[in-house]
N, C-alpha and C. Protein backbone atom coordinates (compact mmCIF):
# COMPACT_ATOMS: atom_id res chain seq x y z
N UNK A 1 31.59 -0.63 -1.85
CA UNK A 1 30.29 -1.00 -1.39
C UNK A 1 30.14 -1.69 -0.36
N UNK A 2 29.22 -0.89 0.58
CA UNK A 2 29.11 -1.59 2.00
C UNK A 2 28.19 -2.38 1.99
N UNK A 3 28.48 -3.65 2.47
CA UNK A 3 27.77 -4.72 3.15
C UNK A 3 27.18 -4.61 4.85
N UNK A 4 25.95 -4.76 4.70
CA UNK A 4 25.32 -4.67 5.96
C UNK A 4 25.70 -5.79 6.90
N UNK A 5 25.84 -5.67 8.18
CA UNK A 5 25.98 -6.55 9.19
C UNK A 5 24.66 -6.81 9.84
N UNK A 6 24.69 -7.99 10.50
CA UNK A 6 23.41 -8.30 11.23
C UNK A 6 23.50 -7.32 12.57
N UNK A 7 24.42 -6.90 12.92
CA UNK A 7 24.53 -5.73 14.12
C UNK A 7 23.99 -4.45 13.76
N UNK A 8 23.83 -4.09 12.19
CA UNK A 8 23.49 -2.84 11.93
C UNK A 8 21.90 -2.79 12.09
N UNK A 9 21.26 -1.72 12.96
CA UNK A 9 19.94 -1.42 13.34
C UNK A 9 19.19 -1.51 12.07
N UNK A 10 19.56 -0.85 11.07
CA UNK A 10 18.56 -0.66 9.90
C UNK A 10 18.61 -1.81 9.12
N UNK A 11 19.50 -2.75 9.19
CA UNK A 11 19.37 -4.40 8.51
C UNK A 11 18.61 -5.06 9.61
N UNK A 12 18.70 -5.11 10.57
CA UNK A 12 17.78 -5.76 11.53
C UNK A 12 16.10 -5.37 11.59
N UNK A 13 15.94 -3.95 11.06
CA UNK A 13 14.47 -3.58 11.10
C UNK A 13 13.98 -3.87 9.77
N UNK A 14 15.11 -3.82 8.52
CA UNK A 14 14.87 -4.61 7.22
C UNK A 14 14.18 -5.98 7.52
N UNK A 15 15.23 -6.93 8.02
CA UNK A 15 15.05 -8.15 8.54
C UNK A 15 13.57 -8.50 8.83
N UNK A 16 13.46 -7.71 9.81
CA UNK A 16 12.12 -7.79 11.07
C UNK A 16 10.81 -7.50 10.05
N UNK A 17 11.08 -6.36 9.32
CA UNK A 17 10.01 -6.14 8.31
C UNK A 17 9.55 -7.16 7.45
N UNK A 18 10.85 -7.47 6.84
CA UNK A 18 10.43 -8.70 6.00
C UNK A 18 9.69 -9.88 6.30
N UNK A 19 10.07 -10.21 7.65
CA UNK A 19 9.64 -11.75 8.22
C UNK A 19 8.23 -11.51 8.56
N UNK A 20 7.96 -10.19 8.99
CA UNK A 20 6.70 -9.98 9.75
C UNK A 20 5.83 -9.92 8.36
N UNK A 21 6.14 -9.50 7.11
CA UNK A 21 5.52 -9.40 6.03
C UNK A 21 4.97 -10.69 5.40
N UNK A 22 6.27 -11.69 5.29
CA UNK A 22 5.94 -13.06 5.15
C UNK A 22 5.20 -13.86 5.87
N UNK A 23 5.11 -13.50 7.19
CA UNK A 23 4.00 -14.10 8.27
C UNK A 23 2.92 -13.41 8.04
N UNK A 24 2.42 -12.48 7.93
CA UNK A 24 1.16 -11.65 7.74
C UNK A 24 0.76 -12.41 6.44
N UNK A 25 1.65 -12.33 5.35
CA UNK A 25 1.07 -12.85 4.22
C UNK A 25 0.51 -14.32 4.00
N UNK A 26 1.52 -15.10 4.58
CA UNK A 26 1.05 -16.38 4.86
C UNK A 26 -0.15 -16.66 5.64
N UNK A 27 -0.24 -15.77 6.67
CA UNK A 27 -1.94 -15.99 7.39
C UNK A 27 -2.74 -15.57 6.65
N UNK A 28 -2.64 -14.61 6.05
CA UNK A 28 -3.81 -14.19 4.87
C UNK A 28 -3.90 -15.26 4.08
N UNK A 29 -3.05 -15.58 3.48
CA UNK A 29 -3.30 -17.02 2.78
C UNK A 29 -3.73 -18.09 3.24
N UNK A 30 -3.38 -18.57 4.57
CA UNK A 30 -3.76 -19.92 4.96
C UNK A 30 -5.33 -19.61 5.63
N UNK A 31 -5.76 -18.47 6.13
CA UNK A 31 -7.11 -18.29 6.56
C UNK A 31 -7.99 -18.14 5.10
N UNK A 32 -7.63 -18.02 3.92
CA UNK A 32 -7.98 -17.64 2.88
C UNK A 32 -9.10 -16.33 2.94
N UNK A 33 -8.48 -15.31 3.72
CA UNK A 33 -8.84 -14.25 3.67
C UNK A 33 -8.68 -13.41 2.01
N UNK A 34 -7.23 -13.79 1.61
CA UNK A 34 -6.98 -13.36 0.35
C UNK A 34 -6.78 -14.70 -0.56
N UNK A 35 -7.66 -14.93 -1.70
CA UNK A 35 -7.28 -16.05 -2.37
C UNK A 35 -5.66 -15.85 -3.00
N UNK A 36 -5.03 -17.26 -3.20
CA UNK A 36 -3.70 -16.93 -3.74
C UNK A 36 -3.73 -16.79 -5.26
N UNK A 37 -4.88 -17.07 -5.82
CA UNK A 37 -5.12 -16.76 -7.40
C UNK A 37 -6.46 -16.12 -7.68
N UNK A 38 -6.29 -15.27 -8.61
CA UNK A 38 -7.61 -14.76 -8.98
C UNK A 38 -7.91 -14.65 -10.50
N UNK A 39 -8.91 -14.52 -11.14
CA UNK A 39 -9.24 -14.21 -12.32
C UNK A 39 -8.83 -12.85 -12.72
N UNK A 40 -8.89 -12.12 -12.12
CA UNK A 40 -8.39 -10.90 -12.53
C UNK A 40 -6.73 -10.66 -12.31
N UNK A 41 -6.21 -10.86 -11.05
CA UNK A 41 -5.01 -10.69 -10.78
C UNK A 41 -3.90 -12.04 -10.96
N UNK A 42 -4.60 -12.89 -11.18
CA UNK A 42 -3.82 -14.13 -11.40
C UNK A 42 -3.27 -14.74 -10.47
N UNK A 43 -1.86 -14.68 -10.36
CA UNK A 43 -1.03 -15.08 -8.90
C UNK A 43 -0.39 -14.12 -8.46
N UNK A 44 -0.83 -13.08 -8.67
CA UNK A 44 -0.14 -11.73 -8.21
C UNK A 44 -0.48 -11.84 -6.45
N UNK A 45 -1.62 -11.98 -5.95
CA UNK A 45 -1.73 -12.14 -4.28
C UNK A 45 -0.63 -13.01 -4.06
N UNK A 46 -0.30 -14.03 -4.37
CA UNK A 46 0.36 -15.25 -3.83
C UNK A 46 2.08 -14.53 -3.76
N UNK A 47 2.12 -13.66 -5.04
CA UNK A 47 3.71 -13.29 -5.35
C UNK A 47 3.78 -12.30 -4.32
N UNK A 48 2.70 -11.46 -4.14
CA UNK A 48 3.10 -10.26 -3.12
C UNK A 48 3.21 -10.54 -1.64
N UNK A 49 2.26 -11.70 -1.43
CA UNK A 49 2.31 -12.13 0.10
C UNK A 49 3.54 -12.96 0.56
N UNK A 50 3.53 -13.87 -0.39
CA UNK A 50 4.75 -14.96 -0.07
C UNK A 50 6.18 -14.62 -1.03
N UNK A 51 5.87 -14.72 -2.10
CA UNK A 51 7.20 -14.39 -3.27
C UNK A 51 7.96 -13.12 -2.85
N UNK A 52 7.46 -12.19 -2.70
CA UNK A 52 8.34 -10.95 -2.79
C UNK A 52 8.88 -10.91 -1.31
N UNK A 53 8.32 -11.20 -0.08
CA UNK A 53 9.10 -11.11 1.22
C UNK A 53 10.16 -12.13 1.30
N UNK A 54 9.89 -13.33 0.52
CA UNK A 54 11.03 -14.35 0.17
C UNK A 54 12.42 -13.74 -0.46
N UNK A 55 11.81 -12.93 -1.54
CA UNK A 55 13.26 -12.25 -2.44
C UNK A 55 13.69 -11.36 -1.30
N UNK A 56 12.94 -10.58 -0.72
CA UNK A 56 13.48 -9.38 0.26
C UNK A 56 14.76 -10.37 1.24
N UNK A 57 14.20 -11.13 1.78
CA UNK A 57 14.76 -12.01 2.76
C UNK A 57 16.21 -12.74 2.40
N UNK A 58 16.06 -13.26 1.06
CA UNK A 58 17.14 -13.60 0.16
C UNK A 58 17.95 -12.62 0.20
N UNK A 59 17.63 -11.23 -0.42
CA UNK A 59 18.72 -10.58 -0.58
C UNK A 59 19.35 -9.97 0.78
N UNK A 60 18.78 -9.81 1.67
CA UNK A 60 19.04 -9.41 3.19
C UNK A 60 20.10 -10.57 3.55
N UNK A 61 19.69 -11.61 3.48
CA UNK A 61 20.48 -12.74 4.15
C UNK A 61 20.82 -14.02 3.27
N UNK A 62 21.62 -13.86 2.12
CA UNK A 62 21.88 -14.66 1.07
C UNK A 62 22.27 -15.93 1.65
N UNK A 63 22.71 -16.38 2.85
CA UNK A 63 23.26 -17.38 3.40
C UNK A 63 22.16 -18.10 4.14
N UNK A 64 20.94 -17.70 4.36
CA UNK A 64 19.83 -18.04 5.12
C UNK A 64 19.44 -19.49 4.67
N UNK A 65 19.39 -19.98 3.44
CA UNK A 65 18.90 -21.25 2.89
C UNK A 65 20.00 -22.39 3.70
N UNK A 66 21.14 -21.88 3.15
CA UNK A 66 22.31 -22.92 3.72
C UNK A 66 22.44 -23.21 5.24
N UNK A 67 21.91 -21.88 5.92
CA UNK A 67 21.73 -22.33 7.41
C UNK A 67 20.78 -23.12 8.22
N UNK A 68 19.60 -22.69 7.39
CA UNK A 68 18.47 -23.62 7.69
C UNK A 68 18.66 -25.08 7.28
N UNK A 69 19.37 -25.39 5.85
CA UNK A 69 19.48 -26.70 5.70
C UNK A 69 20.43 -27.42 6.52
N UNK A 70 21.56 -26.62 6.95
CA UNK A 70 22.57 -27.36 8.16
C UNK A 70 21.95 -27.35 9.42
N UNK A 71 20.96 -26.40 9.62
CA UNK A 71 20.25 -26.66 11.10
C UNK A 71 19.36 -27.98 11.00
N UNK A 72 18.59 -28.26 9.85
CA UNK A 72 17.81 -29.50 9.61
C UNK A 72 18.73 -30.86 9.50
N UNK A 73 19.84 -30.45 9.10
CA UNK A 73 20.81 -31.91 9.15
C UNK A 73 21.33 -31.98 10.32
N UNK A 74 21.54 -31.04 11.03
CA UNK A 74 21.90 -31.43 12.58
C UNK A 74 21.08 -32.08 13.32
N UNK A 75 19.75 -31.85 13.43
CA UNK A 75 18.70 -32.09 14.02
C UNK A 75 18.34 -33.61 13.62
N UNK A 76 18.49 -34.03 12.10
CA UNK A 76 18.10 -35.37 11.88
C UNK A 76 19.44 -36.24 12.49
N UNK A 77 20.57 -35.74 12.28
CA UNK A 77 21.91 -36.54 13.01
C UNK A 77 21.99 -36.78 14.36
N UNK A 78 21.16 -35.62 14.97
CA UNK A 78 21.34 -35.91 16.62
C UNK A 78 20.94 -37.08 17.03
N UNK A 79 21.38 -37.73 18.28
CA UNK A 79 21.02 -39.02 18.88
C UNK A 79 19.67 -38.63 19.41
N UNK A 80 18.74 -39.34 19.37
CA UNK A 80 17.56 -39.46 19.92
C UNK A 80 17.77 -40.25 21.10
N UNK A 81 17.79 -39.60 22.22
CA UNK A 81 17.80 -40.34 23.49
C UNK A 81 16.23 -41.07 24.29
N UNK A 82 16.58 -42.02 24.78
CA UNK A 82 15.44 -42.91 25.02
C UNK A 82 14.83 -42.12 26.45
N UNK A 83 13.79 -42.16 26.88
CA UNK A 83 12.82 -41.44 27.68
C UNK A 83 13.55 -42.03 29.01
N UNK A 84 13.59 -43.16 29.15
CA UNK A 84 14.36 -43.96 30.22
C UNK A 84 15.40 -45.14 29.90
N UNK A 85 16.23 -45.13 30.92
CA UNK A 85 17.75 -45.85 30.43
C UNK A 85 17.76 -47.07 31.37
């Protein structure tokens, strides 16, 4: 089985499309153009606009949550220098 690498153009396009899908869906939900839940569809709009692109991102980049968590930890541990000394 072939594992795609980040240098693969196909992998980059899929990753970009999933991120654009997530950003667009988040914007639609935040601006309330599309409600997250409806009586007819239930939570389906929220799933297709947020849940599905997140699942695609996790399939394409399974280590992404670990890297983001490590980045957050590094930022917290970084010493904040004073504006003046």
